[in-house]
Every structure is written in structure tokens, then in C-alpha cells.
Amino acid sequence: MTDETGPEPLGLCVVANVARQTSHGDGGLEIRTGLRHFAPGAKVWIAPLRWDGGSPSVPVAGRHRGNSRRYSAMVVPRRFLENFRVRAVYSPALLRALGGGPLWTEEHAESYVRYWGTPRLETQVEVEGTDYTRWAPPVTDPPPMELQFEGATHHLAHFNANRARYLD
């Protein structure tokens, strides 16, 4: 550390904010402000993933609602996070809460920020006249009117905050 440059960063991390409103329960009808452990808008630091980046949940560390002096680490659903970005980590306490291991590389962090920052919906394709339903790769939000999947064109039938449904 020098007087001119300030403290040296310990590494880079993906950062997000807890969504102001989160939906819970059957069909997402129960609306809450923030999460049980994190206040709405709270900054959370996402630990480097030890499993597939397509997982619906991510390990985070942030200031707990009940005790804002210490960092708490837990796994939260990614859909409750918004405003993804890359920031430097300067705090040894935060580094310990994130698992103490190596942090993100700049390229890796930027790629996840781009992917997670694009709103996506689960996609379900139904074949009319049958009970055949197939999950397709996620689509952007709002979803396109037509989807090319498995050599056929499917048309948007319905979508909500969680899923887009296409028919033959």
C-alpha cells in the first residue's frame, strides 16, 4: 500500500444487490421485501462457483440484516439478485467469508456478469395433441414470438415472470 494508490486489492469478485421485492410460495404469489437474511438492496459478494454456473443458487457473503458488522455466508437463489458487476475485494474479513480461496479471474467474472445480467426465462415446449413436454434452452425476457427448437418452429403461447411456454 502506498499513500498515492491506497490499499492493494486482494482479488476480484462478482457483486450483486438483493432485489427489492422477492416472490415466494406457490406460483410466487407471496411478495416479500428482500430476503430473510439480507435487506432489500443489500450488496452481496458472490463466491467463485464450485459447481455449474447454470445452477439456480449461488454462494454469497454480505452484511446480515440482524448484525451489519459481520459478514454472513450462505447460498441464495440467483433470481433474487440483480445489478451484477465486478468489484475488487479489499477486506480480509470478506475474503474469509467467501471461503478464503482464490477469487474470480477478470475474464471469468465478466462472462458471468454478462450471462446473469441478461434476463432469462425457463422455456417449455409442448407438442399439441399429446402430453409431450420438453424443456428448451432459456430465452430472453421478454421472450421471442417464435422459437426454433429441434428442427421445428414453435409459437409463444404464454409467459410469466418464471417461464415461457411454446406450442407446436
Protein backbone atom coordinates (compact mmCIF):
# COMPACT_ATOMS: atom_id res chain seq x y z
CA MET A 1 0.00 0.00 0.00
CA THR A 2 1.18 3.48 -0.81
CA ASP A 3 -0.21 6.89 0.05
CA GLU A 4 -0.85 7.62 -3.61
CA THR A 5 -2.63 4.42 -4.65
CA GLY A 6 -4.36 3.23 -1.46
CA PRO A 7 -4.69 -0.39 -0.35
CA GLU A 8 -3.93 -3.20 -2.77
CA PRO A 9 -6.94 -5.34 -3.77
CA LEU A 10 -6.95 -8.97 -2.62
CA GLY A 11 -8.73 -10.04 -5.81
CA LEU A 12 -11.85 -9.57 -7.92
CA CYS A 13 -15.37 -10.72 -7.17
CA VAL A 14 -18.81 -10.65 -8.75
CA VAL A 15 -21.10 -8.36 -6.75
CA ALA A 16 -24.91 -8.03 -6.85
CA ASN A 17 -27.73 -6.41 -4.91
CA VAL A 18 -30.64 -8.21 -3.26
CA ALA A 19 -33.85 -7.48 -5.17
CA ARG A 20 -36.25 -5.02 -3.50
CA GLN A 21 -39.14 -7.45 -3.88
CA THR A 22 -38.83 -11.22 -3.97
CA SER A 23 -41.56 -13.74 -4.76
CA HIS A 24 -42.02 -16.87 -2.68
CA GLY A 25 -44.56 -19.66 -2.20
CA ASP A 26 -46.81 -21.44 -4.69
CA GLY A 27 -46.70 -19.63 -8.00
CA GLY A 28 -44.64 -16.79 -6.50
CA LEU A 29 -47.72 -15.11 -5.05
CA GLU A 30 -46.16 -14.20 -1.70
CA ILE A 31 -44.14 -10.98 -2.14
CA ARG A 32 -41.50 -10.04 0.44
CA THR A 33 -39.06 -7.16 0.73
CA GLY A 34 -35.54 -8.52 0.35
CA LEU A 35 -34.62 -11.87 1.88
CA ARG A 36 -34.80 -13.23 5.38
CA HIS A 37 -31.07 -12.73 5.94
CA PHE A 38 -30.37 -9.74 3.67
CA ALA A 39 -32.17 -6.41 3.44
CA PRO A 40 -33.53 -5.20 0.09
CA GLY A 41 -30.76 -3.58 -1.94
CA ALA A 42 -28.01 -5.10 0.24
CA LYS A 43 -24.70 -5.66 -1.54
CA VAL A 44 -23.65 -9.31 -1.64
CA TRP A 45 -20.40 -10.75 -2.93
CA ILE A 46 -20.70 -13.96 -4.95
CA ALA A 47 -18.03 -16.54 -4.17
CA PRO A 48 -16.36 -18.29 -7.12
CA LEU A 49 -18.60 -21.15 -8.16
CA ARG A 50 -17.65 -24.69 -7.27
CA TRP A 51 -20.49 -26.09 -9.35
CA ASP A 52 -22.19 -25.37 -12.69
CA GLY A 53 -22.84 -21.68 -13.37
CA GLY A 54 -26.31 -22.56 -14.65
CA SER A 55 -27.37 -23.52 -11.13
CA PRO A 56 -30.34 -21.57 -9.76
CA SER A 57 -28.47 -20.81 -6.50
CA VAL A 58 -25.12 -19.15 -5.75
CA PRO A 59 -22.90 -18.85 -2.64
CA VAL A 60 -22.80 -15.27 -1.33
CA ALA A 61 -21.34 -13.26 1.53
CA GLY A 62 -22.79 -9.99 2.77
CA ARG A 63 -23.81 -7.96 5.80
CA HIS A 64 -26.62 -9.77 7.63
CA ARG A 65 -29.87 -7.93 8.40
CA GLY A 66 -29.52 -8.57 12.12
CA ASN A 67 -25.81 -7.77 12.52
CA SER A 68 -24.38 -5.40 9.95
CA ARG A 69 -20.88 -5.52 11.46
CA ARG A 70 -20.06 -9.08 10.38
CA TYR A 71 -20.21 -10.87 7.06
CA SER A 72 -22.52 -13.86 6.72
CA ALA A 73 -22.09 -16.52 4.07
CA MET A 74 -24.94 -18.58 2.62
CA VAL A 75 -26.42 -19.88 -0.61
CA VAL A 76 -29.30 -17.88 -2.14
CA PRO A 77 -31.37 -18.28 -5.32
CA ARG A 78 -29.83 -16.20 -8.10
CA ARG A 79 -33.27 -14.94 -9.17
CA PHE A 80 -33.34 -12.79 -6.01
CA LEU A 81 -30.21 -10.90 -7.10
CA GLU A 82 -29.88 -8.01 -9.57
CA ASN A 83 -27.38 -5.45 -10.85
CA PHE A 84 -24.44 -7.84 -11.33
CA ARG A 85 -20.99 -6.25 -11.65
CA VAL A 86 -17.29 -6.93 -10.95
CA ARG A 87 -15.56 -5.23 -7.99
CA ALA A 88 -12.25 -5.56 -6.14
CA VAL A 89 -12.11 -7.14 -2.68
CA TYR A 90 -10.06 -5.24 -0.10
CA SER A 91 -11.30 -6.71 3.20
CA PRO A 92 -9.60 -9.81 4.68
CA ALA A 93 -12.81 -10.49 6.65
CA LEU A 94 -14.82 -10.57 3.42
CA LEU A 95 -12.22 -12.84 1.84
CA ARG A 96 -12.60 -15.27 4.77
CA ALA A 97 -16.41 -15.17 4.45
CA LEU A 98 -16.08 -16.02 0.75
CA GLY A 99 -14.13 -19.17 1.63
CA GLY A 100 -10.61 -17.77 1.77
CA GLY A 101 -9.59 -19.35 -1.52
CA PRO A 102 -8.72 -17.78 -4.83
CA LEU A 103 -11.22 -15.28 -6.19
CA TRP A 104 -12.50 -14.74 -9.73
CA THR A 105 -10.31 -14.01 -12.72
CA GLU A 106 -11.37 -10.87 -14.58
CA GLU A 107 -12.43 -12.74 -17.74
CA HIS A 108 -14.40 -15.35 -15.81
CA ALA A 109 -16.18 -12.74 -13.67
CA GLU A 110 -17.06 -10.57 -16.68
CA SER A 111 -18.53 -13.54 -18.57
CA TYR A 112 -20.79 -14.44 -15.62
CA VAL A 113 -21.86 -10.80 -15.20
CA ARG A 114 -22.89 -10.69 -18.87
CA TYR A 115 -24.77 -14.00 -18.64
CA TRP A 116 -26.50 -13.33 -15.31
CA GLY A 117 -27.28 -9.73 -16.24
CA THR A 118 -29.41 -10.81 -19.21
CA PRO A 119 -32.97 -11.59 -18.04
CA ARG A 120 -33.80 -15.19 -18.97
CA LEU A 121 -36.88 -17.37 -18.70
CA GLU A 122 -37.14 -21.14 -18.45
CA THR A 123 -38.58 -22.45 -21.70
CA GLN A 124 -41.14 -25.22 -22.08
CA VAL A 125 -42.17 -26.60 -25.48
CA GLU A 126 -45.41 -28.60 -25.75
CA VAL A 127 -46.45 -30.75 -28.68
CA GLU A 128 -50.14 -30.16 -29.36
CA GLY A 129 -52.44 -33.17 -29.15
CA THR A 130 -50.02 -35.08 -26.87
CA ASP A 131 -48.81 -34.94 -23.29
CA TYR A 132 -45.26 -34.50 -24.58
CA THR A 133 -43.47 -31.55 -22.93
CA ARG A 134 -39.82 -30.69 -23.49
CA TRP A 135 -37.54 -28.16 -21.78
CA ALA A 136 -35.63 -25.96 -24.20
CA PRO A 137 -32.69 -23.64 -23.51
CA PRO A 138 -33.65 -20.42 -21.66
CA VAL A 139 -34.89 -17.46 -23.71
CA THR A 140 -34.55 -13.73 -23.12
CA ASP A 141 -37.17 -11.76 -21.21
CA PRO A 142 -39.40 -10.76 -22.96
CA PRO A 143 -39.40 -13.99 -24.98
CA PRO A 144 -39.39 -14.11 -28.80
CA MET A 145 -42.72 -14.85 -30.51
CA GLU A 146 -41.22 -17.83 -32.37
CA LEU A 147 -38.65 -20.37 -31.25
CA GLN A 148 -36.62 -22.72 -33.45
CA PHE A 149 -36.10 -25.93 -31.46
CA GLU A 150 -35.34 -29.49 -32.59
CA GLY A 151 -35.88 -28.62 -36.26
CA ALA A 152 -39.36 -27.14 -35.79
CA THR A 153 -40.83 -23.68 -35.29
CA HIS A 154 -42.79 -23.21 -32.07
CA HIS A 155 -45.03 -20.25 -31.25
CA LEU A 156 -45.28 -18.44 -27.92
CA ALA A 157 -48.47 -19.47 -26.10
CA HIS A 158 -47.93 -17.97 -22.64
CA PHE A 159 -45.25 -16.43 -20.44
CA ASN A 160 -44.97 -15.05 -16.92
CA ALA A 161 -42.14 -13.98 -14.62
CA ASN A 162 -40.73 -17.53 -14.41
CA ARG A 163 -41.37 -19.35 -17.66
CA ALA A 164 -42.20 -19.11 -21.37
CA ARG A 165 -44.42 -21.81 -22.90
CA TYR A 166 -44.37 -22.56 -26.62
CA LEU A 167 -46.73 -24.73 -28.69
CA ASP A 168 -46.21 -26.58 -31.96
